[in-house]
Amino acid sequence: MVLSTIPRTLCSTAAPTNIVYWSLSGDTFSMFNSLYNAQTVNNPVYSSGYSFPIALLLSKAAQQYVIAPSIDVFSSDFTVEVWINLQTVNTAGYMSIMGQCLNPMNCMYIGILNSSVFMSWGGVKSVTGNTSLSTNQWYHIAYGSQQLLYLNGRLDGQGTTTGTTLSTSGGNITIGTTQDQNQNQTYFNGKIGQVLISRRLKTPEEILEDATLVAHYSFGCNGDLYYQQDSGPNYMDGAGSDALATTANSIQNNSLLFNLSTAYFQISNLVAFGQTNQPFSILLWLYPFAVTGGTIIHASSYSAGTGFCVPYMGLSSTGNIVVQLWNRNAVSVIGPILPSNTWTHIAQTFSPSNGLRLYVNATLTGHNSISSYTTNNSPFFFTLGNSRAGTTCGTGGVVQIRPYTGQMDEVYLYTEVLTSDKIKDLAGIPQGEKR
């Protein structure tokens, strides 16, 4: 997996609204516009991320931060999004996350005030979140120009102040430091990643998607070109071997064809999915040519398919769809026999409260009430269509490990359990020949 440099509007004619995106996953380059490439100050280092592989680790004691050129956006509609993981939390006081200041009285800044997220814009409007943050936990923060503050995709605070907001244009963007309301310079202490500024107010649905969607693979819209591209918010492109993008029998644009024993598509550095008991949802469309076994999604700690490894989704020798996790042994949910040469939508979800669930064509067809599962707590590789060298991994004798033959499309990976309505929505887009 590489953080993409592929153009992001291949399948759309809509005008892009993202102004700048700093992934902070190994560098401070701006993806959408090199004019906003940033620089680090005082030599911060990089560390592990969450739904993205790498984040920037900033030390308050060393006064480390990132500086970028001015962005003229905060005088109109905008949305700012950022992921943070705190090493320390002040229950009384302010700690900066990011901001832009033209002068001490003209600032847009986001920080932590008395352990809650705080946003001030132009010295006029401010919002404080309702949630007290903890250390060593990842949070997605989003703020919209209508004084709406979101935490992990849910509304956490709303401002009511009226008045004219002063422009902050002309001041540098800083990540990891700003002045507080008393004009004292403060510094962040922890990890920061995935800073995105958009030139419009995003909807609550879009913000929730940014907070919970790890990756979405539609396998391109221009023949074999760019089929590895991740259409989700983290730009985590996959890598394929002997798998081909094809328009034949496809749901929409292209699907991915697996017709060789060596064919696979791999997604790497899935940090969140490698964590024990991480809630998740995996959704995809299958068009199997044969239903006599086959690996659909193979989870492993090594790219070869070995190490800690479990086939999360596959077909049994009799053609039943199977989803499973590992908890000392393979814990499986066995679904119906899939029809060959027909598109079928599959969803696998887990949470401690709901256990392991299997949906076929958006209908719950089986579940196991396990409240926990185990991993080795290292980033996962998901290999689609093949177990590679992981042919002896734990299957519980249910999944028949062999290369999958058929097509696959619209793969979604989420770090939360989707509602049944959301699963139905994803299974119904586009409408028509999917069933």
Foldseek 3Di string as FASTA:
>chain_A
DDQDLDDQQQPHPDDFFWDWKQQQAPAQATNPDRQWRKDKPQDWDWDQDALAGIWTFDAQVSQIWIKTAFDFAQQAKKKKKKKWAAPDFALAAWAFFKWWAQDLQQIWTWTAHNQWIKTDHQNFWIKTFDDRDDHGDMWMWMAISQQFIDILLHTGIGIDTDDRHDTRGPTIIMGQWDADNVRHIHGGGGTMGTIIMGNHGDDSVLSNQLNWWSFKQQQDQPFQPPNQFTNGSRGQGKDWDPWGWDPPVDPPRTWIFDADQPTKIKGWSNQNVQAWQQWKKKKKKWAFQDQQFFQFKKKAQDPQLDDQIDRQWMGFRQQWTKGWAADVATDIWTFDRDDHRAIKMWMWTAHLQFAIFIDILLHTGTGDNHNIGHHPSGIIMIMGQASRPNCPHGHVNGGDHGGTGGIMRTIIMTRHDDDSVVSNVSSPVPHDRND
